[in-house]
Amino acid sequence: MTETAVKITPRLKNKYREEIRESLQNEFIAIALPRDAGLQRVVDQAMALWVRSGKADAMYEQWFVKPNTASKGGLGLPMSAALKAEFDRLR
């Protein structure tokens, strides 16, 4: 078995970026918790505080939009409408 090296050209990089962008449009993000109403309330409150403080938006920008240690050119993936709506609901 031989390995084939693939040169990542700007065109190929943009193709992959577009495929990632499309797949993340429908990506659901969740936190798994045991069934405990008190814990659920604490997590919900913490998430709301995190969103209201602006840290959630900043973290999203850092990891999915701007250049960072994982992606030198940045992924350039704007926040989905569903995630924006959820953040707005928590504000």
PDB file of N, CA and C in Angstrom:
ATOM      1  N   MET A   1       0.852  -1.178   0.000  1.00  0.00           N
ATOM      2  CA  MET A   1       0.000   0.000   0.000  1.00  0.00           C
ATOM      3  C   MET A   1       0.893   1.235   0.000  1.00  0.00           C
ATOM      4  N   THR A   2       0.613   2.156  -0.885  1.00  0.00           N
ATOM      5  CA  THR A   2       1.390   3.387  -0.943  1.00  0.00           C
ATOM      6  C   THR A   2       0.508   4.555  -0.550  1.00  0.00           C
ATOM      7  N   GLU A   3       1.152   5.538   0.003  1.00  0.00           N
ATOM      8  CA  GLU A   3       0.423   6.750   0.387  1.00  0.00           C
ATOM      9  C   GLU A   3       0.583   7.791  -0.706  1.00  0.00           C
ATOM     10  N   THR A   4      -0.439   8.522  -0.950  1.00  0.00           N
ATOM     11  CA  THR A   4      -0.402   9.582  -1.941  1.00  0.00           C
ATOM     12  C   THR A   4      -0.508  10.917  -1.230  1.00  0.00           C
ATOM     13  N   ALA A   5       0.459  11.767  -1.477  1.00  0.00           N
ATOM     14  CA  ALA A   5       0.425  13.102  -0.873  1.00  0.00           C
ATOM     15  C   ALA A   5      -0.513  13.984  -1.690  1.00  0.00           C
ATOM     16  N   VAL A   6      -1.329  14.738  -1.004  1.00  0.00           N
ATOM     17  CA  VAL A   6      -2.249  15.663  -1.665  1.00  0.00           C
ATOM     18  C   VAL A   6      -1.800  17.069  -1.341  1.00  0.00           C
ATOM     19  N   LYS A   7      -1.552  17.835  -2.376  1.00  0.00           N
ATOM     20  CA  LYS A   7      -1.174  19.223  -2.173  1.00  0.00           C
ATOM     21  C   LYS A   7      -2.447  20.028  -1.931  1.00  0.00           C
ATOM     22  N   ILE A   8      -2.481  20.728  -0.824  1.00  0.00           N
ATOM     23  CA  ILE A   8      -3.652  21.545  -0.486  1.00  0.00           C
ATOM     24  C   ILE A   8      -3.492  22.905  -1.162  1.00  0.00           C
ATOM     25  N   THR A   9      -4.170  23.063  -2.263  1.00  0.00           N
ATOM     26  CA  THR A   9      -4.145  24.323  -2.996  1.00  0.00           C
ATOM     27  C   THR A   9      -5.219  25.244  -2.424  1.00  0.00           C
ATOM     28  N   PRO A  10      -5.132  26.527  -2.688  1.00  0.00           N
ATOM     29  CA  PRO A  10      -6.185  27.433  -2.206  1.00  0.00           C
ATOM     30  C   PRO A  10      -7.581  27.007  -2.676  1.00  0.00           C
ATOM     31  N   ARG A  11      -7.672  26.500  -3.903  1.00  0.00           N
ATOM     32  CA  ARG A  11      -8.975  26.053  -4.423  1.00  0.00           C
ATOM     33  C   ARG A  11      -9.501  24.867  -3.622  1.00  0.00           C
ATOM     34  N   LEU A  12      -8.627  23.903  -3.328  1.00  0.00           N
ATOM     35  CA  LEU A  12      -9.027  22.732  -2.551  1.00  0.00           C
ATOM     36  C   LEU A  12      -9.380  23.139  -1.121  1.00  0.00           C
ATOM     37  N   LYS A  13      -8.606  24.053  -0.564  1.00  0.00           N
ATOM     38  CA  LYS A  13      -8.879  24.535   0.791  1.00  0.00           C
ATOM     39  C   LYS A  13     -10.253  25.187   0.858  1.00  0.00           C
ATOM     40  N   ASN A  14     -10.605  25.989  -0.141  1.00  0.00           N
ATOM     41  CA  ASN A  14     -11.918  26.631  -0.173  1.00  0.00           C
ATOM     42  C   ASN A  14     -13.031  25.603  -0.324  1.00  0.00           C
ATOM     43  N   LYS A  15     -12.771  24.545  -1.096  1.00  0.00           N
ATOM     44  CA  LYS A  15     -13.768  23.478  -1.271  1.00  0.00           C
ATOM     45  C   LYS A  15     -14.038  22.815   0.077  1.00  0.00           C
ATOM     46  N   TYR A  16     -12.972  22.477   0.800  1.00  0.00           N
ATOM     47  CA  TYR A  16     -13.148  21.850   2.112  1.00  0.00           C
ATOM     48  C   TYR A  16     -13.847  22.797   3.084  1.00  0.00           C
ATOM     49  N   ARG A  17     -13.475  24.055   3.048  1.00  0.00           N
ATOM     50  CA  ARG A  17     -14.094  25.046   3.933  1.00  0.00           C
ATOM     51  C   ARG A  17     -15.598  25.122   3.665  1.00  0.00           C
ATOM     52  N   GLU A  18     -15.986  25.103   2.385  1.00  0.00           N
ATOM     53  CA  GLU A  18     -17.404  25.161   2.031  1.00  0.00           C
ATOM     54  C   GLU A  18     -18.131  23.897   2.499  1.00  0.00           C
ATOM     55  N   GLU A  19     -17.496  22.737   2.369  1.00  0.00           N
ATOM     56  CA  GLU A  19     -18.111  21.493   2.837  1.00  0.00           C
ATOM     57  C   GLU A  19     -18.296  21.519   4.355  1.00  0.00           C
ATOM     58  N   ILE A  20     -17.318  22.031   5.077  1.00  0.00           N
ATOM     59  CA  ILE A  20     -17.423  22.149   6.539  1.00  0.00           C
ATOM     60  C   ILE A  20     -18.541  23.123   6.892  1.00  0.00           C
ATOM     61  N   ARG A  21     -18.588  24.242   6.192  1.00  0.00           N
ATOM     62  CA  ARG A  21     -19.624  25.252   6.452  1.00  0.00           C
ATOM     63  C   ARG A  21     -21.018  24.644   6.266  1.00  0.00           C
ATOM     64  N   GLU A  22     -21.201  23.895   5.177  1.00  0.00           N
ATOM     65  CA  GLU A  22     -22.506  23.277   4.917  1.00  0.00           C
ATOM     66  C   GLU A  22     -22.862  22.256   5.986  1.00  0.00           C
ATOM     67  N   SER A  23     -21.886  21.452   6.395  1.00  0.00           N
ATOM     68  CA  SER A  23     -22.191  20.415   7.392  1.00  0.00           C
ATOM     69  C   SER A  23     -22.491  21.035   8.760  1.00  0.00           C
ATOM     70  N   LEU A  24     -21.870  22.152   9.089  1.00  0.00           N
ATOM     71  CA  LEU A  24     -22.116  22.786  10.383  1.00  0.00           C
ATOM     72  C   LEU A  24     -23.434  23.552  10.423  1.00  0.00           C
ATOM     73  N   GLN A  25     -24.023  23.822   9.279  1.00  0.00           N
ATOM     74  CA  GLN A  25     -25.311  24.513   9.270  1.00  0.00           C
ATOM     75  C   GLN A  25     -26.377  23.703   9.999  1.00  0.00           C
ATOM     76  N   ASN A  26     -26.230  22.391  10.002  1.00  0.00           N
ATOM     77  CA  ASN A  26     -27.227  21.521  10.618  1.00  0.00           C
ATOM     78  C   ASN A  26     -26.661  20.738  11.794  1.00  0.00           C
ATOM     79  N   GLU A  27     -25.553  21.186  12.321  1.00  0.00           N
ATOM     80  CA  GLU A  27     -24.912  20.480  13.436  1.00  0.00           C
ATOM     81  C   GLU A  27     -25.586  20.877  14.745  1.00  0.00           C
ATOM     82  N   PHE A  28     -26.049  19.882  15.477  1.00  0.00           N
ATOM     83  CA  PHE A  28     -26.674  20.153  16.756  1.00  0.00           C
ATOM     84  C   PHE A  28     -25.640  20.013  17.860  1.00  0.00           C
ATOM     85  N   ILE A  29     -25.648  20.952  18.773  1.00  0.00           N
ATOM     86  CA  ILE A  29     -24.702  20.952  19.880  1.00  0.00           C
ATOM     87  C   ILE A  29     -25.508  20.778  21.156  1.00  0.00           C
ATOM     88  N   ALA A  30     -25.060  19.875  22.017  1.00  0.00           N
ATOM     89  CA  ALA A  30     -25.818  19.596  23.238  1.00  0.00           C
ATOM     90  C   ALA A  30     -24.867  19.318  24.390  1.00  0.00           C
ATOM     91  N   ILE A  31     -25.392  19.433  25.580  1.00  0.00           N
ATOM     92  CA  ILE A  31     -24.672  19.052  26.787  1.00  0.00           C
ATOM     93  C   ILE A  31     -25.486  17.942  27.431  1.00  0.00           C
ATOM     94  N   ALA A  32     -24.867  16.797  27.636  1.00  0.00           N
ATOM     95  CA  ALA A  32     -25.565  15.663  28.252  1.00  0.00           C
ATOM     96  C   ALA A  32     -25.479  15.789  29.773  1.00  0.00           C
ATOM     97  N   LEU A  33     -26.627  15.666  30.419  1.00  0.00           N
ATOM     98  CA  LEU A  33     -26.716  15.776  31.873  1.00  0.00           C
ATOM     99  C   LEU A  33     -27.555  14.623  32.413  1.00  0.00           C
ATOM    100  N   PRO A  34     -27.294  14.237  33.651  1.00  0.00           N
ATOM    101  CA  PRO A  34     -28.224  13.291  34.267  1.00  0.00           C
ATOM    102  C   PRO A  34     -29.563  14.005  34.501  1.00  0.00           C
ATOM    103  N   ARG A  35     -30.628  13.238  34.626  1.00  0.00           N
ATOM    104  CA  ARG A  35     -31.945  13.846  34.861  1.00  0.00           C
ATOM    105  C   ARG A  35     -32.002  14.403  36.283  1.00  0.00           C
ATOM    106  N   ASP A  36     -31.757  15.685  36.369  1.00  0.00           N
ATOM    107  CA  ASP A  36     -31.731  16.364  37.667  1.00  0.00           C
ATOM    108  C   ASP A  36     -32.153  17.807  37.413  1.00  0.00           C
ATOM    109  N   ALA A  37     -33.338  18.155  37.830  1.00  0.00           N
ATOM    110  CA  ALA A  37     -33.893  19.485  37.561  1.00  0.00           C
ATOM    111  C   ALA A  37     -33.020  20.601  38.129  1.00  0.00           C
ATOM    112  N   GLY A  38     -32.453  20.381  39.316  1.00  0.00           N
ATOM    113  CA  GLY A  38     -31.595  21.395  39.931  1.00  0.00           C
ATOM    114  C   GLY A  38     -30.336  21.627  39.115  1.00  0.00           C
ATOM    115  N   LEU A  39     -29.711  20.548  38.668  1.00  0.00           N
ATOM    116  CA  LEU A  39     -28.505  20.659  37.849  1.00  0.00           C
ATOM    117  C   LEU A  39     -28.837  21.323  36.521  1.00  0.00           C
ATOM    118  N   GLN A  40     -29.957  20.942  35.930  1.00  0.00           N
ATOM    119  CA  GLN A  40     -30.389  21.542  34.665  1.00  0.00           C
ATOM    120  C   GLN A  40     -30.553  23.053  34.808  1.00  0.00           C
ATOM    121  N   ARG A  41     -31.149  23.485  35.898  1.00  0.00           N
ATOM    122  CA  ARG A  41     -31.349  24.911  36.160  1.00  0.00           C
ATOM    123  C   ARG A  41     -30.006  25.639  36.273  1.00  0.00           C
ATOM    124  N   VAL A  42     -29.055  25.035  36.985  1.00  0.00           N
ATOM    125  CA  VAL A  42     -27.735  25.645  37.158  1.00  0.00           C
ATOM    126  C   VAL A  42     -27.016  25.767  35.808  1.00  0.00           C
ATOM    127  N   VAL A  43     -27.059  24.705  35.011  1.00  0.00           N
ATOM    128  CA  VAL A  43     -26.410  24.731  33.695  1.00  0.00           C
ATOM    129  C   VAL A  43     -27.075  25.774  32.795  1.00  0.00           C
ATOM    130  N   ASP A  44     -28.393  25.816  32.782  1.00  0.00           N
ATOM    131  CA  ASP A  44     -29.109  26.811  31.977  1.00  0.00           C
ATOM    132  C   ASP A  44     -28.727  28.237  32.382  1.00  0.00           C
ATOM    133  N   GLN A  45     -28.644  28.482  33.689  1.00  0.00           N
ATOM    134  CA  GLN A  45     -28.279  29.815  34.179  1.00  0.00           C
ATOM    135  C   GLN A  45     -26.834  30.158  33.801  1.00  0.00           C
ATOM    136  N   ALA A  46     -25.941  29.186  33.919  1.00  0.00           N
ATOM    137  CA  ALA A  46     -24.536  29.418  33.572  1.00  0.00           C
ATOM    138  C   ALA A  46     -24.390  29.711  32.074  1.00  0.00           C
ATOM    139  N   MET A  47     -25.111  28.963  31.254  1.00  0.00           N
ATOM    140  CA  MET A  47     -25.060  29.207  29.805  1.00  0.00           C
ATOM    141  C   MET A  47     -25.598  30.601  29.471  1.00  0.00           C
ATOM    142  N   ALA A  48     -26.695  30.986  30.113  1.00  0.00           N
ATOM    143  CA  ALA A  48     -27.271  32.309  29.872  1.00  0.00           C
ATOM    144  C   ALA A  48     -26.285  33.410  30.274  1.00  0.00           C
ATOM    145  N   LEU A  49     -25.627  33.252  31.412  1.00  0.00           N
ATOM    146  CA  LEU A  49     -24.623  34.235  31.848  1.00  0.00           C
ATOM    147  C   LEU A  49     -23.461  34.311  30.867  1.00  0.00           C
ATOM    148  N   TRP A  50     -23.030  33.151  30.374  1.00  0.00           N
ATOM    149  CA  TRP A  50     -21.924  33.079  29.425  1.00  0.00           C
ATOM    150  C   TRP A  50     -22.286  33.803  28.130  1.00  0.00           C
ATOM    151  N   VAL A  51     -23.521  33.611  27.658  1.00  0.00           N
ATOM    152  CA  VAL A  51     -23.971  34.275  26.436  1.00  0.00           C
ATOM    153  C   VAL A  51     -24.121  35.780  26.681  1.00  0.00           C
ATOM    154  N   ARG A  52     -24.751  36.165  27.787  1.00  0.00           N
ATOM    155  CA  ARG A  52     -24.978  37.592  28.082  1.00  0.00           C
ATOM    156  C   ARG A  52     -23.673  38.359  28.266  1.00  0.00           C
ATOM    157  N   SER A  53     -22.650  37.683  28.765  1.00  0.00           N
ATOM    158  CA  SER A  53     -21.360  38.350  28.992  1.00  0.00           C
ATOM    159  C   SER A  53     -20.614  38.638  27.693  1.00  0.00           C
ATOM    160  N   GLY A  54     -21.045  38.003  26.611  1.00  0.00           N
ATOM    161  CA  GLY A  54     -20.346  38.170  25.339  1.00  0.00           C
ATOM    162  C   GLY A  54     -19.263  37.136  25.120  1.00  0.00           C
ATOM    163  N   LYS A  55     -18.976  36.323  26.127  1.00  0.00           N
ATOM    164  CA  LYS A  55     -17.906  35.328  26.005  1.00  0.00           C
ATOM    165  C   LYS A  55     -18.247  34.228  24.996  1.00  0.00           C
ATOM    166  N   ALA A  56     -19.520  33.880  24.880  1.00  0.00           N
ATOM    167  CA  ALA A  56     -19.913  32.834  23.925  1.00  0.00           C
ATOM    168  C   ALA A  56     -19.646  33.298  22.493  1.00  0.00           C
ATOM    169  N   ASP A  57     -20.033  34.530  22.183  1.00  0.00           N
ATOM    170  CA  ASP A  57     -19.782  35.072  20.847  1.00  0.00           C
ATOM    171  C   ASP A  57     -18.287  35.179  20.574  1.00  0.00           C
ATOM    172  N   ALA A  58     -17.533  35.639  21.574  1.00  0.00           N
ATOM    173  CA  ALA A  58     -16.089  35.782  21.412  1.00  0.00           C
ATOM    174  C   ALA A  58     -15.417  34.426  21.179  1.00  0.00           C
ATOM    175  N   MET A  59     -15.854  33.413  21.914  1.00  0.00           N
ATOM    176  CA  MET A  59     -15.266  32.086  21.751  1.00  0.00           C
ATOM    177  C   MET A  59     -15.613  31.505  20.374  1.00  0.00           C
ATOM    178  N   TYR A  60     -16.832  31.720  19.936  1.00  0.00           N
ATOM    179  CA  TYR A  60     -17.211  31.249  18.602  1.00  0.00           C
ATOM    180  C   TYR A  60     -16.325  31.919  17.553  1.00  0.00           C
ATOM    181  N   GLU A  61     -16.182  33.233  17.643  1.00  0.00           N
ATOM    182  CA  GLU A  61     -15.330  33.971  16.697  1.00  0.00           C
ATOM    183  C   GLU A  61     -13.909  33.420  16.712  1.00  0.00           C
ATOM    184  N   GLN A  62     -13.378  33.192  17.916  1.00  0.00           N
ATOM    185  CA  GLN A  62     -11.998  32.726  18.068  1.00  0.00           C
ATOM    186  C   GLN A  62     -11.776  31.384  17.377  1.00  0.00           C
ATOM    187  N   TRP A  63     -12.694  30.452  17.520  1.00  0.00           N
ATOM    188  CA  TRP A  63     -12.471  29.094  17.023  1.00  0.00           C
ATOM    189  C   TRP A  63     -13.070  28.795  15.662  1.00  0.00           C
ATOM    190  N   PHE A  64     -14.089  29.531  15.233  1.00  0.00           N
ATOM    191  CA  PHE A  64     -14.747  29.201  13.974  1.00  0.00           C
ATOM    192  C   PHE A  64     -14.638  30.264  12.894  1.00  0.00           C
ATOM    193  N   VAL A  65     -14.210  31.470  13.254  1.00  0.00           N
ATOM    194  CA  VAL A  65     -14.155  32.535  12.256  1.00  0.00           C
ATOM    195  C   VAL A  65     -12.720  33.020  12.038  1.00  0.00           C
ATOM    196  N   LYS A  66     -12.082  33.473  13.077  1.00  0.00           N
ATOM    197  CA  LYS A  66     -10.756  34.078  12.969  1.00  0.00           C
ATOM    198  C   LYS A  66      -9.636  33.035  12.924  1.00  0.00           C
ATOM    199  N   PRO A  67      -8.465  33.460  12.437  1.00  0.00           N
ATOM    200  CA  PRO A  67      -7.309  32.559  12.497  1.00  0.00           C
ATOM    201  C   PRO A  67      -6.995  32.189  13.950  1.00  0.00           C
ATOM    202  N   ASN A  68      -6.566  30.957  14.170  1.00  0.00           N
ATOM    203  CA  ASN A  68      -6.224  30.493  15.513  1.00  0.00           C
ATOM    204  C   ASN A  68      -5.196  29.376  15.413  1.00  0.00           C
ATOM    205  N   THR A  69      -4.848  28.788  16.531  1.00  0.00           N
ATOM    206  CA  THR A  69      -3.821  27.744  16.522  1.00  0.00           C
ATOM    207  C   THR A  69      -4.249  26.511  15.730  1.00  0.00           C
ATOM    208  N   ALA A  70      -5.535  26.252  15.618  1.00  0.00           N
ATOM    209  CA  ALA A  70      -6.015  25.092  14.868  1.00  0.00           C
ATOM    210  C   ALA A  70      -6.153  25.375  13.377  1.00  0.00           C
ATOM    211  N   SER A  71      -6.338  26.638  13.016  1.00  0.00           N
ATOM    212  CA  SER A  71      -6.532  27.013  11.614  1.00  0.00           C
ATOM    213  C   SER A  71      -5.897  28.376  11.368  1.00  0.00           C
ATOM    214  N   LYS A  72      -4.697  28.348  10.810  1.00  0.00           N
ATOM    215  CA  LYS A  72      -3.942  29.599  10.633  1.00  0.00           C
ATOM    216  C   LYS A  72      -4.699  30.647   9.804  1.00  0.00           C
ATOM    217  N   GLY A  73      -5.481  30.207   8.832  1.00  0.00           N
ATOM    218  CA  GLY A  73      -6.238  31.145   8.018  1.00  0.00           C
ATOM    219  C   GLY A  73      -7.633  31.392   8.543  1.00  0.00           C
ATOM    220  N   GLY A  74      -7.992  30.701   9.613  1.00  0.00           N
ATOM    221  CA  GLY A  74      -9.350  30.796  10.141  1.00  0.00           C
ATOM    222  C   GLY A  74     -10.298  29.963   9.310  1.00  0.00           C
ATOM    223  N   LEU A  75     -11.336  29.483   9.900  1.00  0.00           N
ATOM    224  CA  LEU A  75     -12.312  28.684   9.161  1.00  0.00           C
ATOM    225  C   LEU A  75     -13.303  29.547   8.407  1.00  0.00           C
ATOM    226  N   GLY A  76     -13.507  30.770   8.873  1.00  0.00           N
ATOM    227  CA  GLY A  76     -14.438  31.661   8.194  1.00  0.00           C
ATOM    228  C   GLY A  76     -15.869  31.151   8.204  1.00  0.00           C
ATOM    229  N   LEU A  77     -16.244  30.489   9.300  1.00  0.00           N
ATOM    230  CA  LEU A  77     -17.585  29.919   9.403  1.00  0.00           C
ATOM    231  C   LEU A  77     -18.479  30.807  10.256  1.00  0.00           C
ATOM    232  N   PRO A  78     -19.352  31.576   9.622  1.00  0.00           N
ATOM    233  CA  PRO A  78     -20.238  32.428  10.408  1.00  0.00           C
ATOM    234  C   PRO A  78     -21.194  31.588  11.254  1.00  0.00           C
ATOM    235  N   MET A  79     -21.652  32.157  12.330  1.00  0.00           N
ATOM    236  CA  MET A  79     -22.579  31.470  13.217  1.00  0.00           C
ATOM    237  C   MET A  79     -23.885  31.175  12.475  1.00  0.00           C
ATOM    238  N   SER A  80     -24.401  29.984  12.667  1.00  0.00           N
ATOM    239  CA  SER A  80     -25.648  29.600  11.997  1.00  0.00           C
ATOM    240  C   SER A  80     -26.816  30.403  12.566  1.00  0.00           C
ATOM    241  N   ALA A  81     -27.864  30.488  11.779  1.00  0.00           N
ATOM    242  CA  ALA A  81     -29.066  31.207  12.218  1.00  0.00           C
ATOM    243  C   ALA A  81     -29.660  30.552  13.460  1.00  0.00           C
ATOM    244  N   ALA A  82     -29.605  29.221  13.534  1.00  0.00           N
ATOM    245  CA  ALA A  82     -30.165  28.507  14.688  1.00  0.00           C
ATOM    246  C   ALA A  82     -29.390  28.827  15.961  1.00  0.00           C
ATOM    247  N   LEU A  83     -28.057  28.865  15.875  1.00  0.00           N
ATOM    248  CA  LEU A  83     -27.262  29.174  17.069  1.00  0.00           C
ATOM    249  C   LEU A  83     -27.440  30.638  17.468  1.00  0.00           C
ATOM    250  N   LYS A  84     -27.495  31.540  16.483  1.00  0.00           N
ATOM    251  CA  LYS A  84     -27.764  32.958  16.778  1.00  0.00           C
ATOM    252  C   LYS A  84     -29.096  33.101  17.510  1.00  0.00           C
ATOM    253  N   ALA A  85     -30.106  32.393  17.017  1.00  0.00           N
ATOM    254  CA  ALA A  85     -31.435  32.475  17.637  1.00  0.00           C
ATOM    255  C   ALA A  85     -31.393  31.961  19.073  1.00  0.00           C
ATOM    256  N   GLU A  86     -30.664  30.886  19.305  1.00  0.00           N
ATOM    257  CA  GLU A  86     -30.559  30.346  20.666  1.00  0.00           C
ATOM    258  C   GLU A  86     -29.824  31.324  21.576  1.00  0.00           C
ATOM    259  N   PHE A  87     -28.748  31.917  21.099  1.00  0.00           N
ATOM    260  CA  PHE A  87     -28.032  32.930  21.878  1.00  0.00           C
ATOM    261  C   PHE A  87     -28.939  34.120  22.174  1.00  0.00           C
ATOM    262  N   ASP A  88     -29.694  34.567  21.164  1.00  0.00           N
ATOM    263  CA  ASP A  88     -30.611  35.691  21.372  1.00  0.00           C
ATOM    264  C   ASP A  88     -31.676  35.345  22.405  1.00  0.00           C
ATOM    265  N   ARG A  89     -32.132  34.111  22.393  1.00  0.00           N
ATOM    266  CA  ARG A  89     -33.130  33.673  23.382  1.00  0.00           C
ATOM    267  C   ARG A  89     -32.564  33.734  24.806  1.00  0.00           C
ATOM    268  N   LEU A  90     -31.269  33.486  24.935  1.00  0.00           N
ATOM    269  CA  LEU A  90     -30.632  33.483  26.255  1.00  0.00           C
ATOM    270  C   LEU A  90     -30.234  34.870  26.735  1.00  0.00           C
ATOM    271  N   ARG A  91     -30.207  35.844  25.841  1.00  0.00           N
ATOM    272  CA  ARG A  91     -29.772  37.200  26.229  1.00  0.00           C
ATOM    273  C   ARG A  91     -30.807  37.901  27.045  1.00  0.00           C
TER     274      ARG A  91
END
